[in-house]
Amino acid sequence: MALPSDEAEPMNRLAWFLGERHALLRSQLRKIRAAMNNGLRCSVDLADASAEEISANCQFATSARDLGLLEEFQYVRHPRRVLHLVCNRDPAALNFFSGGWLERYLEAVSYTH
């Protein structure tokens, strides 16, 4: 699971992260896409998630927020592990979450093989 290059732009690195951990992030991605269509807020229930899944979801949310794709997020550990997200309706965010990430990921994969 090699990252493209250190010089790759941050959106490409985030797409790579999402593609390589898609099974762990599938629920969050689905919730984000729904929230972008039906409102801006959503929550991802991580009560039954593994430590690896929680870590991947929090890392992804942090990076997405840092890039302006999410306006904010909060991980609440107690009483139930939940990740609360506020989506950004910016066209770049909409494009990334609606499939732009996959195009970036596939392009990166083609460079590594």
PDB file of N, CA and C in Angstrom:
ATOM      1  N   MET A   1       0.845  -1.166   0.000  1.00  0.00           N
ATOM      2  CA  MET A   1       0.000   0.000   0.000  1.00  0.00           C
ATOM      3  C   MET A   1       0.899   1.241   0.000  1.00  0.00           C
ATOM      4  N   ALA A   2       1.551   1.502  -1.085  1.00  0.00           N
ATOM      5  CA  ALA A   2       2.449   2.645  -1.182  1.00  0.00           C
ATOM      6  C   ALA A   2       1.689   3.890  -1.599  1.00  0.00           C
ATOM      7  N   LEU A   3       2.024   4.974  -0.949  1.00  0.00           N
ATOM      8  CA  LEU A   3       1.441   6.257  -1.286  1.00  0.00           C
ATOM      9  C   LEU A   3       2.063   6.746  -2.581  1.00  0.00           C
ATOM     10  N   PRO A   4       1.296   7.454  -3.445  1.00  0.00           N
ATOM     11  CA  PRO A   4       1.907   7.933  -4.680  1.00  0.00           C
ATOM     12  C   PRO A   4       3.220   8.639  -4.385  1.00  0.00           C
ATOM     13  N   SER A   5       3.495   9.832  -4.577  1.00  0.00           N
ATOM     14  CA  SER A   5       4.754  10.448  -4.192  1.00  0.00           C
ATOM     15  C   SER A   5       4.483  11.517  -3.157  1.00  0.00           C
ATOM     16  N   ASP A   6       5.529  11.887  -2.434  1.00  0.00           N
ATOM     17  CA  ASP A   6       5.374  12.928  -1.427  1.00  0.00           C
ATOM     18  C   ASP A   6       4.975  14.250  -2.060  1.00  0.00           C
ATOM     19  N   GLU A   7       5.294  14.423  -3.329  1.00  0.00           N
ATOM     20  CA  GLU A   7       4.960  15.662  -4.017  1.00  0.00           C
ATOM     21  C   GLU A   7       3.516  15.685  -4.522  1.00  0.00           C
ATOM     22  N   ALA A   8       2.827  14.557  -4.456  1.00  0.00           N
ATOM     23  CA  ALA A   8       1.441  14.508  -4.949  1.00  0.00           C
ATOM     24  C   ALA A   8       0.602  15.507  -4.165  1.00  0.00           C
ATOM     25  N   GLU A   9      -0.318  16.103  -4.851  1.00  0.00           N
ATOM     26  CA  GLU A   9      -1.156  17.091  -4.177  1.00  0.00           C
ATOM     27  C   GLU A   9      -2.015  16.425  -3.105  1.00  0.00           C
ATOM     28  N   PRO A  10      -2.408  17.195  -2.097  1.00  0.00           N
ATOM     29  CA  PRO A  10      -3.151  16.620  -0.960  1.00  0.00           C
ATOM     30  C   PRO A  10      -4.453  15.912  -1.346  1.00  0.00           C
ATOM     31  N   MET A  11      -5.171  16.426  -2.331  1.00  0.00           N
ATOM     32  CA  MET A  11      -6.420  15.751  -2.734  1.00  0.00           C
ATOM     33  C   MET A  11      -6.125  14.365  -3.289  1.00  0.00           C
ATOM     34  N   ASN A  12      -5.048  14.215  -4.021  1.00  0.00           N
ATOM     35  CA  ASN A  12      -4.679  12.902  -4.549  1.00  0.00           C
ATOM     36  C   ASN A  12      -4.320  11.950  -3.411  1.00  0.00           C
ATOM     37  N   ARG A  13      -3.629  12.459  -2.401  1.00  0.00           N
ATOM     38  CA  ARG A  13      -3.281  11.614  -1.255  1.00  0.00           C
ATOM     39  C   ARG A  13      -4.532  11.189  -0.494  1.00  0.00           C
ATOM     40  N   LEU A  14      -5.495  12.110  -0.364  1.00  0.00           N
ATOM     41  CA  LEU A  14      -6.735  11.762   0.323  1.00  0.00           C
ATOM     42  C   LEU A  14      -7.518  10.725  -0.489  1.00  0.00           C
ATOM     43  N   ALA A  15      -7.536  10.881  -1.800  1.00  0.00           N
ATOM     44  CA  ALA A  15      -8.200   9.900  -2.666  1.00  0.00           C
ATOM     45  C   ALA A  15      -7.516   8.536  -2.539  1.00  0.00           C
ATOM     46  N   TRP A  16      -6.205   8.537  -2.470  1.00  0.00           N
ATOM     47  CA  TRP A  16      -5.453   7.291  -2.299  1.00  0.00           C
ATOM     48  C   TRP A  16      -5.826   6.635  -0.967  1.00  0.00           C
ATOM     49  N   PHE A  17      -5.861   7.430   0.108  1.00  0.00           N
ATOM     50  CA  PHE A  17      -6.228   6.929   1.427  1.00  0.00           C
ATOM     51  C   PHE A  17      -7.626   6.306   1.387  1.00  0.00           C
ATOM     52  N   LEU A  18      -8.561   7.005   0.767  1.00  0.00           N
ATOM     53  CA  LEU A  18      -9.935   6.518   0.665  1.00  0.00           C
ATOM     54  C   LEU A  18     -10.013   5.236  -0.156  1.00  0.00           C
ATOM     55  N   GLY A  19      -9.308   5.192  -1.263  1.00  0.00           N
ATOM     56  CA  GLY A  19      -9.331   4.008  -2.105  1.00  0.00           C
ATOM     57  C   GLY A  19      -8.722   2.789  -1.432  1.00  0.00           C
ATOM     58  N   GLU A  20      -7.616   2.993  -0.730  1.00  0.00           N
ATOM     59  CA  GLU A  20      -6.927   1.879  -0.071  1.00  0.00           C
ATOM     60  C   GLU A  20      -7.681   1.383   1.161  1.00  0.00           C
ATOM     61  N   ARG A  21      -8.512   2.223   1.744  1.00  0.00           N
ATOM     62  CA  ARG A  21      -9.251   1.853   2.954  1.00  0.00           C
ATOM     63  C   ARG A  21     -10.763   1.921   2.731  1.00  0.00           C
ATOM     64  N   HIS A  22     -11.177   1.760   1.506  1.00  0.00           N
ATOM     65  CA  HIS A  22     -12.580   1.939   1.159  1.00  0.00           C
ATOM     66  C   HIS A  22     -13.512   1.064   2.000  1.00  0.00           C
ATOM     67  N   ALA A  23     -13.120  -0.151   2.267  1.00  0.00           N
ATOM     68  CA  ALA A  23     -13.970  -1.044   3.073  1.00  0.00           C
ATOM     69  C   ALA A  23     -14.200  -0.470   4.473  1.00  0.00           C
ATOM     70  N   LEU A  24     -13.203   0.215   5.010  1.00  0.00           N
ATOM     71  CA  LEU A  24     -13.322   0.801   6.346  1.00  0.00           C
ATOM     72  C   LEU A  24     -14.092   2.118   6.323  1.00  0.00           C
ATOM     73  N   LEU A  25     -14.090   2.798   5.189  1.00  0.00           N
ATOM     74  CA  LEU A  25     -14.662   4.139   5.082  1.00  0.00           C
ATOM     75  C   LEU A  25     -15.977   4.192   4.316  1.00  0.00           C
ATOM     76  N   ARG A  26     -16.432   3.064   3.845  1.00  0.00           N
ATOM     77  CA  ARG A  26     -17.640   3.001   3.008  1.00  0.00           C
ATOM     78  C   ARG A  26     -18.841   3.674   3.675  1.00  0.00           C
ATOM     79  N   SER A  27     -19.065   3.402   4.947  1.00  0.00           N
ATOM     80  CA  SER A  27     -20.218   3.966   5.654  1.00  0.00           C
ATOM     81  C   SER A  27     -20.121   5.486   5.729  1.00  0.00           C
ATOM     82  N   GLN A  28     -18.933   5.990   6.047  1.00  0.00           N
ATOM     83  CA  GLN A  28     -18.748   7.441   6.127  1.00  0.00           C
ATOM     84  C   GLN A  28     -18.981   8.099   4.771  1.00  0.00           C
ATOM     85  N   LEU A  29     -18.453   7.521   3.725  1.00  0.00           N
ATOM     86  CA  LEU A  29     -18.631   8.077   2.382  1.00  0.00           C
ATOM     87  C   LEU A  29     -20.103   8.099   1.992  1.00  0.00           C
ATOM     88  N   ARG A  30     -20.817   7.033   2.272  1.00  0.00           N
ATOM     89  CA  ARG A  30     -22.247   6.960   1.963  1.00  0.00           C
ATOM     90  C   ARG A  30     -23.022   8.037   2.735  1.00  0.00           C
ATOM     91  N   LYS A  31     -22.695   8.220   4.007  1.00  0.00           N
ATOM     92  CA  LYS A  31     -23.369   9.230   4.831  1.00  0.00           C
ATOM     93  C   LYS A  31     -23.063  10.641   4.325  1.00  0.00           C
ATOM     94  N   ILE A  32     -21.824  10.884   3.931  1.00  0.00           N
ATOM     95  CA  ILE A  32     -21.447  12.207   3.420  1.00  0.00           C
ATOM     96  C   ILE A  32     -22.214  12.513   2.142  1.00  0.00           C
ATOM     97  N   ARG A  33     -22.266  11.555   1.234  1.00  0.00           N
ATOM     98  CA  ARG A  33     -22.993  11.795  -0.029  1.00  0.00           C
ATOM     99  C   ARG A  33     -24.465  12.084   0.238  1.00  0.00           C
ATOM    100  N   ALA A  34     -25.077  11.355   1.156  1.00  0.00           N
ATOM    101  CA  ALA A  34     -26.483  11.602   1.490  1.00  0.00           C
ATOM    102  C   ALA A  34     -26.653  12.979   2.129  1.00  0.00           C
ATOM    103  N   ALA A  35     -25.738  13.353   3.007  1.00  0.00           N
ATOM    104  CA  ALA A  35     -25.830  14.649   3.678  1.00  0.00           C
ATOM    105  C   ALA A  35     -25.654  15.789   2.691  1.00  0.00           C
ATOM    106  N   MET A  36     -24.848  15.606   1.681  1.00  0.00           N
ATOM    107  CA  MET A  36     -24.640  16.663   0.693  1.00  0.00           C
ATOM    108  C   MET A  36     -25.896  16.875  -0.148  1.00  0.00           C
ATOM    109  N   ASN A  37     -26.713  15.853  -0.264  1.00  0.00           N
ATOM    110  CA  ASN A  37     -27.956  15.969  -1.027  1.00  0.00           C
ATOM    111  C   ASN A  37     -29.129  16.407  -0.163  1.00  0.00           C
ATOM    112  N   ASN A  38     -29.129  16.022   1.107  1.00  0.00           N
ATOM    113  CA  ASN A  38     -30.303  16.230   1.960  1.00  0.00           C
ATOM    114  C   ASN A  38     -30.064  17.179   3.129  1.00  0.00           C
ATOM    115  N   GLY A  39     -28.936  17.776   3.211  1.00  0.00           N
ATOM    116  CA  GLY A  39     -28.582  18.632   4.342  1.00  0.00           C
ATOM    117  C   GLY A  39     -27.096  18.548   4.538  1.00  0.00           C
ATOM    118  N   LEU A  40     -26.603  19.217   5.519  1.00  0.00           N
ATOM    119  CA  LEU A  40     -25.157  19.274   5.664  1.00  0.00           C
ATOM    120  C   LEU A  40     -24.601  18.410   6.786  1.00  0.00           C
ATOM    121  N   ARG A  41     -25.429  17.996   7.709  1.00  0.00           N
ATOM    122  CA  ARG A  41     -24.948  17.249   8.875  1.00  0.00           C
ATOM    123  C   ARG A  41     -25.260  15.760   8.757  1.00  0.00           C
ATOM    124  N   CYS A  42     -24.327  14.962   9.279  1.00  0.00           N
ATOM    125  CA  CYS A  42     -24.580  13.525   9.352  1.00  0.00           C
ATOM    126  C   CYS A  42     -23.753  12.952  10.490  1.00  0.00           C
ATOM    127  N   SER A  43     -24.084  11.740  10.869  1.00  0.00           N
ATOM    128  CA  SER A  43     -23.361  11.031  11.919  1.00  0.00           C
ATOM    129  C   SER A  43     -23.055   9.622  11.445  1.00  0.00           C
ATOM    130  N   VAL A  44     -21.873   9.155  11.796  1.00  0.00           N
ATOM    131  CA  VAL A  44     -21.448   7.801  11.456  1.00  0.00           C
ATOM    132  C   VAL A  44     -21.322   7.037  12.767  1.00  0.00           C
ATOM    133  N   ASP A  45     -22.141   6.007  12.927  1.00  0.00           N
ATOM    134  CA  ASP A  45     -22.137   5.190  14.138  1.00  0.00           C
ATOM    135  C   ASP A  45     -20.946   4.238  14.080  1.00  0.00           C
ATOM    136  N   LEU A  46     -20.036   4.387  15.027  1.00  0.00           N
ATOM    137  CA  LEU A  46     -18.850   3.531  15.089  1.00  0.00           C
ATOM    138  C   LEU A  46     -18.841   2.668  16.346  1.00  0.00           C
ATOM    139  N   ALA A  47     -20.014   2.478  16.936  1.00  0.00           N
ATOM    140  CA  ALA A  47     -20.111   1.735  18.191  1.00  0.00           C
ATOM    141  C   ALA A  47     -19.558   0.316  18.070  1.00  0.00           C
ATOM    142  N   ASP A  48     -19.793  -0.325  16.948  1.00  0.00           N
ATOM    143  CA  ASP A  48     -19.339  -1.706  16.768  1.00  0.00           C
ATOM    144  C   ASP A  48     -18.091  -1.798  15.890  1.00  0.00           C
ATOM    145  N   ALA A  49     -17.457  -0.674  15.635  1.00  0.00           N
ATOM    146  CA  ALA A  49     -16.296  -0.642  14.737  1.00  0.00           C
ATOM    147  C   ALA A  49     -15.023  -1.077  15.454  1.00  0.00           C
ATOM    148  N   SER A  50     -14.105  -1.616  14.674  1.00  0.00           N
ATOM    149  CA  SER A  50     -12.792  -1.989  15.204  1.00  0.00           C
ATOM    150  C   SER A  50     -11.957  -0.723  15.415  1.00  0.00           C
ATOM    151  N   ALA A  51     -10.872  -0.872  16.155  1.00  0.00           N
ATOM    152  CA  ALA A  51      -9.965   0.258  16.366  1.00  0.00           C
ATOM    153  C   ALA A  51      -9.409   0.746  15.030  1.00  0.00           C
ATOM    154  N   GLU A  52      -9.127  -0.168  14.111  1.00  0.00           N
ATOM    155  CA  GLU A  52      -8.616   0.201  12.785  1.00  0.00           C
ATOM    156  C   GLU A  52      -9.647   1.032  12.013  1.00  0.00           C
ATOM    157  N   GLU A  53     -10.910   0.633  12.099  1.00  0.00           N
ATOM    158  CA  GLU A  53     -11.973   1.357  11.404  1.00  0.00           C
ATOM    159  C   GLU A  53     -12.174   2.752  11.998  1.00  0.00           C
ATOM    160  N   ILE A  54     -12.154   2.848  13.315  1.00  0.00           N
ATOM    161  CA  ILE A  54     -12.299   4.156  13.969  1.00  0.00           C
ATOM    162  C   ILE A  54     -11.137   5.062  13.583  1.00  0.00           C
ATOM    163  N   SER A  55      -9.936   4.530  13.623  1.00  0.00           N
ATOM    164  CA  SER A  55      -8.759   5.309  13.261  1.00  0.00           C
ATOM    165  C   SER A  55      -8.842   5.809  11.823  1.00  0.00           C
ATOM    166  N   ALA A  56      -9.194   4.933  10.894  1.00  0.00           N
ATOM    167  CA  ALA A  56      -9.294   5.320   9.481  1.00  0.00           C
ATOM    168  C   ALA A  56     -10.358   6.393   9.280  1.00  0.00           C
ATOM    169  N   ASN A  57     -11.501   6.245   9.936  1.00  0.00           N
ATOM    170  CA  ASN A  57     -12.578   7.226   9.803  1.00  0.00           C
ATOM    171  C   ASN A  57     -12.177   8.582  10.362  1.00  0.00           C
ATOM    172  N   CYS A  58     -11.514   8.594  11.512  1.00  0.00           N
ATOM    173  CA  CYS A  58     -11.069   9.866  12.094  1.00  0.00           C
ATOM    174  C   CYS A  58      -9.950  10.504  11.274  1.00  0.00           C
ATOM    175  N   GLN A  59      -9.015   9.701  10.767  1.00  0.00           N
ATOM    176  CA  GLN A  59      -7.949  10.230   9.918  1.00  0.00           C
ATOM    177  C   GLN A  59      -8.520  10.833   8.644  1.00  0.00           C
ATOM    178  N   PHE A  60      -9.461  10.132   8.032  1.00  0.00           N
ATOM    179  CA  PHE A  60     -10.066  10.627   6.806  1.00  0.00           C
ATOM    180  C   PHE A  60     -10.810  11.933   7.066  1.00  0.00           C
ATOM    181  N   ALA A  61     -11.596  11.979   8.139  1.00  0.00           N
ATOM    182  CA  ALA A  61     -12.359  13.190   8.461  1.00  0.00           C
ATOM    183  C   ALA A  61     -11.427  14.362   8.750  1.00  0.00           C
ATOM    184  N   THR A  62     -10.331  14.109   9.446  1.00  0.00           N
ATOM    185  CA  THR A  62      -9.361  15.174   9.729  1.00  0.00           C
ATOM    186  C   THR A  62      -8.777  15.725   8.437  1.00  0.00           C
ATOM    187  N   SER A  63      -8.342  14.851   7.557  1.00  0.00           N
ATOM    188  CA  SER A  63      -7.758  15.284   6.284  1.00  0.00           C
ATOM    189  C   SER A  63      -8.778  16.004   5.411  1.00  0.00           C
ATOM    190  N   ALA A  64     -10.006  15.475   5.360  1.00  0.00           N
ATOM    191  CA  ALA A  64     -11.055  16.106   4.555  1.00  0.00           C
ATOM    192  C   ALA A  64     -11.383  17.496   5.102  1.00  0.00           C
ATOM    193  N   ARG A  65     -11.398  17.636   6.409  1.00  0.00           N
ATOM    194  CA  ARG A  65     -11.637  18.959   7.004  1.00  0.00           C
ATOM    195  C   ARG A  65     -10.476  19.908   6.686  1.00  0.00           C
ATOM    196  N   ASP A  66      -9.262  19.419   6.803  1.00  0.00           N
ATOM    197  CA  ASP A  66      -8.092  20.252   6.531  1.00  0.00           C
ATOM    198  C   ASP A  66      -8.063  20.740   5.087  1.00  0.00           C
ATOM    199  N   LEU A  67      -8.625  19.948   4.176  1.00  0.00           N
ATOM    200  CA  LEU A  67      -8.673  20.327   2.759  1.00  0.00           C
ATOM    201  C   LEU A  67      -9.933  21.123   2.407  1.00  0.00           C
ATOM    202  N   GLY A  68     -10.808  21.343   3.384  1.00  0.00           N
ATOM    203  CA  GLY A  68     -12.013  22.114   3.152  1.00  0.00           C
ATOM    204  C   GLY A  68     -13.170  21.318   2.572  1.00  0.00           C
ATOM    205  N   LEU A  69     -13.047  20.006   2.522  1.00  0.00           N
ATOM    206  CA  LEU A  69     -14.130  19.165   2.012  1.00  0.00           C
ATOM    207  C   LEU A  69     -15.224  18.969   3.064  1.00  0.00           C
ATOM    208  N   LEU A  70     -14.840  18.978   4.308  1.00  0.00           N
ATOM    209  CA  LEU A  70     -15.780  18.967   5.429  1.00  0.00           C
ATOM    210  C   LEU A  70     -15.584  20.276   6.185  1.00  0.00           C
ATOM    211  N   GLU A  71     -16.675  20.852   6.646  1.00  0.00           N
ATOM    212  CA  GLU A  71     -16.552  22.082   7.419  1.00  0.00           C
ATOM    213  C   GLU A  71     -16.063  21.788   8.826  1.00  0.00           C
ATOM    214  N   GLU A  72     -16.539  20.683   9.388  1.00  0.00           N
ATOM    215  CA  GLU A  72     -16.087  20.290  10.717  1.00  0.00           C
ATOM    216  C   GLU A  72     -16.463  18.837  10.976  1.00  0.00           C
ATOM    217  N   PHE A  73     -15.840  18.305  12.017  1.00  0.00           N
ATOM    218  CA  PHE A  73     -16.221  16.974  12.483  1.00  0.00           C
ATOM    219  C   PHE A  73     -15.885  16.873  13.955  1.00  0.00           C
ATOM    220  N   GLN A  74     -16.548  15.942  14.596  1.00  0.00           N
ATOM    221  CA  GLN A  74     -16.290  15.686  16.008  1.00  0.00           C
ATOM    222  C   GLN A  74     -16.476  14.197  16.257  1.00  0.00           C
ATOM    223  N   TYR A  75     -15.495  13.599  16.898  1.00  0.00           N
ATOM    224  CA  TYR A  75     -15.616  12.203  17.303  1.00  0.00           C
ATOM    225  C   TYR A  75     -15.991  12.185  18.776  1.00  0.00           C
ATOM    226  N   VAL A  76     -17.119  11.549  19.086  1.00  0.00           N
ATOM    227  CA  VAL A  76     -17.597  11.439  20.463  1.00  0.00           C
ATOM    228  C   VAL A  76     -17.427   9.983  20.888  1.00  0.00           C
ATOM    229  N   ARG A  77     -16.590   9.778  21.873  1.00  0.00           N
ATOM    230  CA  ARG A  77     -16.278   8.424  22.318  1.00  0.00           C
ATOM    231  C   ARG A  77     -17.317   7.873  23.292  1.00  0.00           C
ATOM    232  N   HIS A  78     -17.867   8.736  24.129  1.00  0.00           N
ATOM    233  CA  HIS A  78     -18.772   8.259  25.169  1.00  0.00           C
ATOM    234  C   HIS A  78     -20.060   9.054  25.131  1.00  0.00           C
ATOM    235  N   PRO A  79     -21.213   8.510  25.245  1.00  0.00           N
ATOM    236  CA  PRO A  79     -21.530   7.143  25.654  1.00  0.00           C
ATOM    237  C   PRO A  79     -21.503   6.148  24.482  1.00  0.00           C
ATOM    238  N   ARG A  80     -21.515   6.632  23.259  1.00  0.00           N
ATOM    239  CA  ARG A  80     -21.500   5.739  22.105  1.00  0.00           C
ATOM    240  C   ARG A  80     -20.559   6.341  21.082  1.00  0.00           C
ATOM    241  N   ARG A  81     -19.708   5.533  20.497  1.00  0.00           N
ATOM    242  CA  ARG A  81     -18.723   6.045  19.541  1.00  0.00           C
ATOM    243  C   ARG A  81     -19.412   6.496  18.252  1.00  0.00           C
ATOM    244  N   VAL A  82     -19.406   7.817  18.041  1.00  0.00           N
ATOM    245  CA  VAL A  82     -20.076   8.410  16.883  1.00  0.00           C
ATOM    246  C   VAL A  82     -19.194   9.517  16.313  1.00  0.00           C
ATOM    247  N   LEU A  83     -19.135   9.577  15.004  1.00  0.00           N
ATOM    248  CA  LEU A  83     -18.418  10.630  14.300  1.00  0.00           C
ATOM    249  C   LEU A  83     -19.468  11.558  13.691  1.00  0.00           C
ATOM    250  N   HIS A  84     -19.486  12.805  14.128  1.00  0.00           N
ATOM    251  CA  HIS A  84     -20.427  13.801  13.616  1.00  0.00           C
ATOM    252  C   HIS A  84     -19.708  14.651  12.572  1.00  0.00           C
ATOM    253  N   LEU A  85     -20.333  14.822  11.416  1.00  0.00           N
ATOM    254  CA  LEU A  85     -19.715  15.544  10.305  1.00  0.00           C
ATOM    255  C   LEU A  85     -20.615  16.678   9.843  1.00  0.00           C
ATOM    256  N   VAL A  86     -19.980  17.755   9.397  1.00  0.00           N
ATOM    257  CA  VAL A  86     -20.688  18.845   8.727  1.00  0.00           C
ATOM    258  C   VAL A  86     -20.022  18.995   7.370  1.00  0.00           C
ATOM    259  N   CYS A  87     -20.796  18.754   6.329  1.00  0.00           N
ATOM    260  CA  CYS A  87     -20.276  18.759   4.960  1.00  0.00           C
ATOM    261  C   CYS A  87     -20.163  20.167   4.398  1.00  0.00           C
ATOM    262  N   ASN A  88     -19.281  20.320   3.459  1.00  0.00           N
ATOM    263  CA  ASN A  88     -19.120  21.562   2.728  1.00  0.00           C
ATOM    264  C   ASN A  88     -19.822  21.397   1.388  1.00  0.00           C
ATOM    265  N   ARG A  89     -20.622  22.365   0.987  1.00  0.00           N
ATOM    266  CA  ARG A  89     -21.353  22.285  -0.283  1.00  0.00           C
ATOM    267  C   ARG A  89     -20.578  22.913  -1.432  1.00  0.00           C
ATOM    268  N   ASP A  90     -19.327  23.204  -1.214  1.00  0.00           N
ATOM    269  CA  ASP A  90     -18.468  23.748  -2.257  1.00  0.00           C
ATOM    270  C   ASP A  90     -18.409  22.771  -3.433  1.00  0.00           C
ATOM    271  N   PRO A  91     -18.387  23.276  -4.681  1.00  0.00           N
ATOM    272  CA  PRO A  91     -18.330  22.375  -5.840  1.00  0.00           C
ATOM    273  C   PRO A  91     -17.154  21.388  -5.802  1.00  0.00           C
ATOM    274  N   ALA A  92     -16.012  21.803  -5.281  1.00  0.00           N
ATOM    275  CA  ALA A  92     -14.868  20.884  -5.206  1.00  0.00           C
ATOM    276  C   ALA A  92     -15.169  19.719  -4.262  1.00  0.00           C
ATOM    277  N   ALA A  93     -15.843  20.000  -3.151  1.00  0.00           N
ATOM    278  CA  ALA A  93     -16.216  18.944  -2.204  1.00  0.00           C
ATOM    279  C   ALA A  93     -17.261  18.027  -2.819  1.00  0.00           C
ATOM    280  N   LEU A  94     -18.266  18.616  -3.450  1.00  0.00           N
ATOM    281  CA  LEU A  94     -19.305  17.809  -4.102  1.00  0.00           C
ATOM    282  C   LEU A  94     -18.690  16.889  -5.154  1.00  0.00           C
ATOM    283  N   ASN A  95     -17.785  17.424  -5.941  1.00  0.00           N
ATOM    284  CA  ASN A  95     -17.136  16.634  -6.987  1.00  0.00           C
ATOM    285  C   ASN A  95     -16.301  15.502  -6.391  1.00  0.00           C
ATOM    286  N   PHE A  96     -15.538  15.799  -5.357  1.00  0.00           N
ATOM    287  CA  PHE A  96     -14.684  14.788  -4.744  1.00  0.00           C
ATOM    288  C   PHE A  96     -15.527  13.628  -4.214  1.00  0.00           C
ATOM    289  N   PHE A  97     -16.552  13.939  -3.435  1.00  0.00           N
ATOM    290  CA  PHE A  97     -17.338  12.884  -2.798  1.00  0.00           C
ATOM    291  C   PHE A  97     -18.278  12.162  -3.756  1.00  0.00           C
ATOM    292  N   SER A  98     -18.649  12.802  -4.845  1.00  0.00           N
ATOM    293  CA  SER A  98     -19.570  12.137  -5.782  1.00  0.00           C
ATOM    294  C   SER A  98     -18.849  11.246  -6.784  1.00  0.00           C
ATOM    295  N   GLY A  99     -17.547  11.158  -6.716  1.00  0.00           N
ATOM    296  CA  GLY A  99     -16.818  10.241  -7.595  1.00  0.00           C
ATOM    297  C   GLY A  99     -15.464  10.741  -8.041  1.00  0.00           C
ATOM    298  N   GLY A 100     -15.189  12.007  -7.822  1.00  0.00           N
ATOM    299  CA  GLY A 100     -13.884  12.548  -8.194  1.00  0.00           C
ATOM    300  C   GLY A 100     -12.742  11.847  -7.479  1.00  0.00           C
ATOM    301  N   TRP A 101     -12.999  11.411  -6.250  1.00  0.00           N
ATOM    302  CA  TRP A 101     -11.963  10.707  -5.497  1.00  0.00           C
ATOM    303  C   TRP A 101     -11.575   9.413  -6.216  1.00  0.00           C
ATOM    304  N   LEU A 102     -12.572   8.721  -6.791  1.00  0.00           N
ATOM    305  CA  LEU A 102     -12.305   7.453  -7.448  1.00  0.00           C
ATOM    306  C   LEU A 102     -11.444   7.669  -8.696  1.00  0.00           C
ATOM    307  N   GLU A 103     -11.738   8.696  -9.458  1.00  0.00           N
ATOM    308  CA  GLU A 103     -10.925   9.012 -10.638  1.00  0.00           C
ATOM    309  C   GLU A 103      -9.479   9.276 -10.230  1.00  0.00           C
ATOM    310  N   ARG A 104      -9.293  10.052  -9.175  1.00  0.00           N
ATOM    311  CA  ARG A 104      -7.940  10.349  -8.687  1.00  0.00           C
ATOM    312  C   ARG A 104      -7.239   9.069  -8.216  1.00  0.00           C
ATOM    313  N   TYR A 105      -7.976   8.230  -7.519  1.00  0.00           N
ATOM    314  CA  TYR A 105      -7.401   6.985  -7.007  1.00  0.00           C
ATOM    315  C   TYR A 105      -6.983   6.069  -8.156  1.00  0.00           C
ATOM    316  N   LEU A 106      -7.857   5.914  -9.136  1.00  0.00           N
ATOM    317  CA  LEU A 106      -7.528   5.036 -10.271  1.00  0.00           C
ATOM    318  C   LEU A 106      -6.329   5.567 -11.061  1.00  0.00           C
ATOM    319  N   GLU A 107      -6.232   6.858 -11.171  1.00  0.00           N
ATOM    320  CA  GLU A 107      -5.070   7.452 -11.849  1.00  0.00           C
ATOM    321  C   GLU A 107      -3.789   7.151 -11.070  1.00  0.00           C
ATOM    322  N   ALA A 108      -3.864   7.272  -9.748  1.00  0.00           N
ATOM    323  CA  ALA A 108      -2.694   6.976  -8.908  1.00  0.00           C
ATOM    324  C   ALA A 108      -2.307   5.504  -8.993  1.00  0.00           C
ATOM    325  N   VAL A 109      -3.309   4.623  -9.015  1.00  0.00           N
ATOM    326  CA  VAL A 109      -3.035   3.194  -9.119  1.00  0.00           C
ATOM    327  C   VAL A 109      -2.345   2.881 -10.437  1.00  0.00           C
ATOM    328  N   SER A 110      -2.779   3.525 -11.504  1.00  0.00           N
ATOM    329  CA  SER A 110      -2.174   3.270 -12.817  1.00  0.00           C
ATOM    330  C   SER A 110      -0.705   3.671 -12.836  1.00  0.00           C
ATOM    331  N   TYR A 111      -0.318   4.671 -12.041  1.00  0.00           N
ATOM    332  CA  TYR A 111       1.080   5.091 -11.968  1.00  0.00           C
ATOM    333  C   TYR A 111       1.932   4.118 -11.189  1.00  0.00           C
ATOM    334  N   THR A 112       1.325   3.400 -10.250  1.00  0.00           N
ATOM    335  CA  THR A 112       2.103   2.497  -9.405  1.00  0.00           C
ATOM    336  C   THR A 112       2.256   1.109  -9.996  1.00  0.00           C
ATOM    337  N   HIS A 113       1.509   0.822 -11.061  1.00  0.00           N
ATOM    338  CA  HIS A 113       1.585  -0.531 -11.661  1.00  0.00           C
ATOM    339  C   HIS A 113       2.184  -0.493 -13.031  1.00  0.00           C
TER     340      HIS A 113
END
